Amino acid sequence: MKYKLTNETKEFRGKTLFRIEATRDIPKYGIQSGDLGGYIERGENLSHDGNAWIGGNAQVYGDAQVYGDAQVHGDAWVYGDARVFEDAQVYGDAQVYGDARVFEDAQVYGDARVSGYAQVFEDAEVCGNAWIGGNAQVYGDAQVY
């Protein structure tokens, strides 16, 4: 196991979210055993495999999943049926929700929103106040801001 749920909770949108604590080192992100992470609703939100991590005050809930070597941190939210995986990063005040996918080396940050069935992948970046939704695909070296 990579993490455990702590007794520290917060109520958010009618859900109880639990702060996580690392139970092993994750050198890729400078995480050491005992470090506190962000918040999840349940164990399925963050995989125990790979280096995936949720840090800061980030929140992952609903049926959302973070796995592979992905990182969600800062004050970011990932929820609904969203997926963040491979080496993707979601941070700042960004939100990824609905059935959205962020993967490969993509980054979503700032106040950006990715929703619906949108996909952000390869080396793409969505940042600032940008909103991507519907069936949009942002990929390659694209930058939306």
C-alpha atoms as a PDB file:
ATOM      1  CA  MET A   1       0.000   0.000   0.000  1.00  0.00           C
ATOM      2  CA  LYS A   2       1.139   3.481  -0.881  1.00  0.00           C
ATOM      3  CA  TYR A   3      -1.106   5.466   1.465  1.00  0.00           C
ATOM      4  CA  LYS A   4      -3.702   5.197   4.173  1.00  0.00           C
ATOM      5  CA  LEU A   5      -6.744   7.263   5.044  1.00  0.00           C
ATOM      6  CA  THR A   6      -6.274   9.414   8.138  1.00  0.00           C
ATOM      7  CA  ASN A   7      -8.908  10.450  10.646  1.00  0.00           C
ATOM      8  CA  GLU A   8      -8.749  14.016   9.296  1.00  0.00           C
ATOM      9  CA  THR A   9     -11.871  14.635   7.245  1.00  0.00           C
ATOM     10  CA  LYS A  10     -13.728  17.453   5.583  1.00  0.00           C
ATOM     11  CA  GLU A  11     -17.317  17.655   4.466  1.00  0.00           C
ATOM     12  CA  PHE A  12     -17.634  18.825   0.894  1.00  0.00           C
ATOM     13  CA  ARG A  13     -20.765  18.891  -1.251  1.00  0.00           C
ATOM     14  CA  GLY A  14     -22.424  16.316   0.987  1.00  0.00           C
ATOM     15  CA  LYS A  15     -19.447  13.953   0.858  1.00  0.00           C
ATOM     16  CA  THR A  16     -16.923  13.048   3.527  1.00  0.00           C
ATOM     17  CA  LEU A  17     -13.382  13.324   2.204  1.00  0.00           C
ATOM     18  CA  PHE A  18     -10.399  11.803   4.003  1.00  0.00           C
ATOM     19  CA  ARG A  19      -6.873  13.199   4.044  1.00  0.00           C
ATOM     20  CA  ILE A  20      -4.309  10.638   2.912  1.00  0.00           C
ATOM     21  CA  GLU A  21      -0.925   9.823   4.426  1.00  0.00           C
ATOM     22  CA  ALA A  22       1.949   8.218   2.521  1.00  0.00           C
ATOM     23  CA  THR A  23       2.967   4.797   3.839  1.00  0.00           C
ATOM     24  CA  ARG A  24       6.016   4.566   1.584  1.00  0.00           C
ATOM     25  CA  ASP A  25       8.384   6.948  -0.157  1.00  0.00           C
ATOM     26  CA  ILE A  26       7.519   8.240  -3.620  1.00  0.00           C
ATOM     27  CA  PRO A  27      10.862   9.715  -4.743  1.00  0.00           C
ATOM     28  CA  LYS A  28       9.484  10.981  -8.066  1.00  0.00           C
ATOM     29  CA  TYR A  29       7.486  13.626  -6.178  1.00  0.00           C
ATOM     30  CA  GLY A  30       9.686  13.982  -3.094  1.00  0.00           C
ATOM     31  CA  ILE A  31       7.065  12.279  -0.920  1.00  0.00           C
ATOM     32  CA  GLN A  32       8.307  10.481   2.173  1.00  0.00           C
ATOM     33  CA  SER A  33       6.477   7.940   4.270  1.00  0.00           C
ATOM     34  CA  GLY A  34       4.375   9.855   6.786  1.00  0.00           C
ATOM     35  CA  ASP A  35       3.816  12.897   4.555  1.00  0.00           C
ATOM     36  CA  LEU A  36       0.225  14.066   4.377  1.00  0.00           C
ATOM     37  CA  GLY A  37      -1.461  14.368   1.017  1.00  0.00           C
ATOM     38  CA  GLY A  38      -4.752  15.722  -0.250  1.00  0.00           C
ATOM     39  CA  TYR A  39      -8.271  14.390   0.171  1.00  0.00           C
ATOM     40  CA  ILE A  40     -10.135  11.467  -1.349  1.00  0.00           C
ATOM     41  CA  GLU A  41     -13.612  10.089  -0.812  1.00  0.00           C
ATOM     42  CA  ARG A  42     -12.569   6.443  -0.988  1.00  0.00           C
ATOM     43  CA  GLY A  43      -9.665   4.172  -1.868  1.00  0.00           C
ATOM     44  CA  GLU A  44     -10.711   3.770  -5.506  1.00  0.00           C
ATOM     45  CA  ASN A  45      -9.942   7.446  -6.129  1.00  0.00           C
ATOM     46  CA  LEU A  46      -6.151   6.938  -5.912  1.00  0.00           C
ATOM     47  CA  SER A  47      -4.371   3.820  -7.122  1.00  0.00           C
ATOM     48  CA  HIS A  48      -1.885   2.093  -4.834  1.00  0.00           C
ATOM     49  CA  ASP A  49       0.160   1.139  -7.918  1.00  0.00           C
ATOM     50  CA  GLY A  50       2.658   3.427  -9.614  1.00  0.00           C
ATOM     51  CA  ASN A  51       3.687   6.860  -8.320  1.00  0.00           C
ATOM     52  CA  ALA A  52       0.328   8.627  -8.588  1.00  0.00           C
ATOM     53  CA  TRP A  53      -0.210  11.111  -5.767  1.00  0.00           C
ATOM     54  CA  ILE A  54      -2.735  13.646  -4.546  1.00  0.00           C
ATOM     55  CA  GLY A  55      -1.122  16.439  -2.572  1.00  0.00           C
ATOM     56  CA  GLY A  56      -1.787  19.762  -0.924  1.00  0.00           C
ATOM     57  CA  ASN A  57      -5.482  20.455  -0.472  1.00  0.00           C
ATOM     58  CA  ALA A  58      -6.458  18.751  -3.725  1.00  0.00           C
ATOM     59  CA  GLN A  59      -9.697  16.766  -3.681  1.00  0.00           C
ATOM     60  CA  VAL A  60     -10.610  13.667  -5.697  1.00  0.00           C
ATOM     61  CA  TYR A  61     -14.071  12.216  -5.208  1.00  0.00           C
ATOM     62  CA  GLY A  62     -17.041  10.525  -6.812  1.00  0.00           C
ATOM     63  CA  ASP A  63     -15.958   7.878  -9.305  1.00  0.00           C
ATOM     64  CA  ALA A  64     -12.881   9.898 -10.363  1.00  0.00           C
ATOM     65  CA  GLN A  65      -9.542   8.079 -10.498  1.00  0.00           C
ATOM     66  CA  VAL A  66      -5.897   9.128 -10.367  1.00  0.00           C
ATOM     67  CA  TYR A  67      -3.388   6.451 -11.350  1.00  0.00           C
ATOM     68  CA  GLY A  68      -0.136   5.644 -13.150  1.00  0.00           C
ATOM     69  CA  ASP A  69       2.389   8.371 -12.339  1.00  0.00           C
ATOM     70  CA  ALA A  70      -0.143  11.221 -12.371  1.00  0.00           C
ATOM     71  CA  GLN A  71      -0.189  13.982  -9.805  1.00  0.00           C
ATOM     72  CA  VAL A  72      -3.057  16.153  -8.558  1.00  0.00           C
ATOM     73  CA  HIS A  73      -2.052  18.874  -6.109  1.00  0.00           C
ATOM     74  CA  GLY A  74      -2.568  22.432  -4.954  1.00  0.00           C
ATOM     75  CA  ASP A  75      -6.273  23.171  -4.583  1.00  0.00           C
ATOM     76  CA  ALA A  76      -7.324  21.173  -7.663  1.00  0.00           C
ATOM     77  CA  TRP A  77     -10.535  19.128  -7.829  1.00  0.00           C
ATOM     78  CA  VAL A  78     -11.042  15.936  -9.831  1.00  0.00           C
ATOM     79  CA  TYR A  79     -14.525  14.449  -9.637  1.00  0.00           C
ATOM     80  CA  GLY A  80     -17.392  12.753 -11.421  1.00  0.00           C
ATOM     81  CA  ASP A  81     -16.046   9.995 -13.668  1.00  0.00           C
ATOM     82  CA  ALA A  82     -12.883  11.900 -14.588  1.00  0.00           C
ATOM     83  CA  ARG A  83      -9.518  10.155 -15.024  1.00  0.00           C
ATOM     84  CA  VAL A  84      -6.015  11.582 -14.569  1.00  0.00           C
ATOM     85  CA  PHE A  85      -3.296   9.106 -15.462  1.00  0.00           C
ATOM     86  CA  GLU A  86       0.103   8.304 -16.960  1.00  0.00           C
ATOM     87  CA  ASP A  87       2.333  11.340 -16.192  1.00  0.00           C
ATOM     88  CA  ALA A  88      -0.404  13.993 -16.271  1.00  0.00           C
ATOM     89  CA  GLN A  89      -0.607  16.804 -13.732  1.00  0.00           C
ATOM     90  CA  VAL A  90      -3.598  18.779 -12.490  1.00  0.00           C
ATOM     91  CA  TYR A  91      -2.829  21.589 -10.070  1.00  0.00           C
ATOM     92  CA  GLY A  92      -3.510  25.118  -8.911  1.00  0.00           C
ATOM     93  CA  ASP A  93      -7.264  25.702  -8.729  1.00  0.00           C
ATOM     94  CA  ALA A  94      -7.965  23.560 -11.797  1.00  0.00           C
ATOM     95  CA  GLN A  95     -10.977  21.265 -12.056  1.00  0.00           C
ATOM     96  CA  VAL A  96     -11.357  18.085 -14.120  1.00  0.00           C
ATOM     97  CA  TYR A  97     -14.817  16.535 -14.024  1.00  0.00           C
ATOM     98  CA  GLY A  98     -17.555  14.725 -15.877  1.00  0.00           C
ATOM     99  CA  ASP A  99     -16.026  12.021 -18.065  1.00  0.00           C
ATOM    100  CA  ALA A 100     -12.937  14.098 -18.890  1.00  0.00           C
ATOM    101  CA  ARG A 101      -9.522  12.492 -19.347  1.00  0.00           C
ATOM    102  CA  VAL A 102      -6.109  14.070 -18.740  1.00  0.00           C
ATOM    103  CA  PHE A 103      -3.211  11.790 -19.604  1.00  0.00           C
ATOM    104  CA  GLU A 104       0.249  11.227 -21.043  1.00  0.00           C
ATOM    105  CA  ASP A 105       2.306  14.333 -20.117  1.00  0.00           C
ATOM    106  CA  ALA A 106      -0.579  16.821 -20.219  1.00  0.00           C
ATOM    107  CA  GLN A 107      -1.006  19.576 -17.646  1.00  0.00           C
ATOM    108  CA  VAL A 108      -4.143  21.358 -16.480  1.00  0.00           C
ATOM    109  CA  TYR A 109      -3.525  24.220 -14.074  1.00  0.00           C
ATOM    110  CA  GLY A 110      -4.431  27.696 -12.927  1.00  0.00           C
ATOM    111  CA  ASP A 111      -8.204  28.144 -12.902  1.00  0.00           C
ATOM    112  CA  ALA A 112      -8.689  25.890 -15.939  1.00  0.00           C
ATOM    113  CA  ARG A 113     -11.670  23.551 -16.296  1.00  0.00           C
ATOM    114  CA  VAL A 114     -11.842  20.337 -18.325  1.00  0.00           C
ATOM    115  CA  SER A 115     -15.262  18.686 -18.430  1.00  0.00           C
ATOM    116  CA  GLY A 116     -17.704  16.591 -20.406  1.00  0.00           C
ATOM    117  CA  TYR A 117     -15.955  13.998 -22.560  1.00  0.00           C
ATOM    118  CA  ALA A 118     -12.985  16.275 -23.262  1.00  0.00           C
ATOM    119  CA  GLN A 119      -9.480  14.847 -23.473  1.00  0.00           C
ATOM    120  CA  VAL A 120      -6.189  16.620 -22.832  1.00  0.00           C
ATOM    121  CA  PHE A 121      -3.161  14.518 -23.697  1.00  0.00           C
ATOM    122  CA  GLU A 122       0.356  14.233 -25.107  1.00  0.00           C
ATOM    123  CA  ASP A 123       2.219  17.412 -24.045  1.00  0.00           C
ATOM    124  CA  ALA A 124      -0.796  19.722 -24.140  1.00  0.00           C
ATOM    125  CA  GLU A 125      -1.442  22.395 -21.525  1.00  0.00           C
ATOM    126  CA  VAL A 126      -4.741  23.937 -20.475  1.00  0.00           C
ATOM    127  CA  CYS A 127      -4.220  26.815 -18.085  1.00  0.00           C
ATOM    128  CA  GLY A 128      -5.328  30.200 -16.855  1.00  0.00           C
ATOM    129  CA  ASN A 129      -9.089  30.635 -17.084  1.00  0.00           C
ATOM    130  CA  ALA A 130      -9.518  28.287 -20.060  1.00  0.00           C
ATOM    131  CA  TRP A 131     -12.524  25.957 -20.191  1.00  0.00           C
ATOM    132  CA  ILE A 132     -12.498  22.837 -22.367  1.00  0.00           C
ATOM    133  CA  GLY A 133     -15.650  20.745 -22.627  1.00  0.00           C
ATOM    134  CA  GLY A 134     -17.915  18.633 -24.775  1.00  0.00           C
ATOM    135  CA  ASN A 135     -15.986  16.189 -26.942  1.00  0.00           C
ATOM    136  CA  ALA A 136     -12.981  18.495 -27.390  1.00  0.00           C
ATOM    137  CA  GLN A 137      -9.488  17.045 -27.721  1.00  0.00           C
ATOM    138  CA  VAL A 138      -6.419  19.082 -26.901  1.00  0.00           C
ATOM    139  CA  TYR A 139      -3.169  17.322 -27.717  1.00  0.00           C
ATOM    140  CA  GLY A 140       0.316  17.534 -29.181  1.00  0.00           C
ATOM    141  CA  ASP A 141       2.122  20.650 -28.035  1.00  0.00           C
ATOM    142  CA  ALA A 142      -1.116  22.649 -27.895  1.00  0.00           C
ATOM    143  CA  GLN A 143      -1.547  25.331 -25.259  1.00  0.00           C
ATOM    144  CA  VAL A 144      -4.965  26.656 -24.360  1.00  0.00           C
ATOM    145  CA  TYR A 145      -4.996  29.582 -21.951  1.00  0.00           C
END
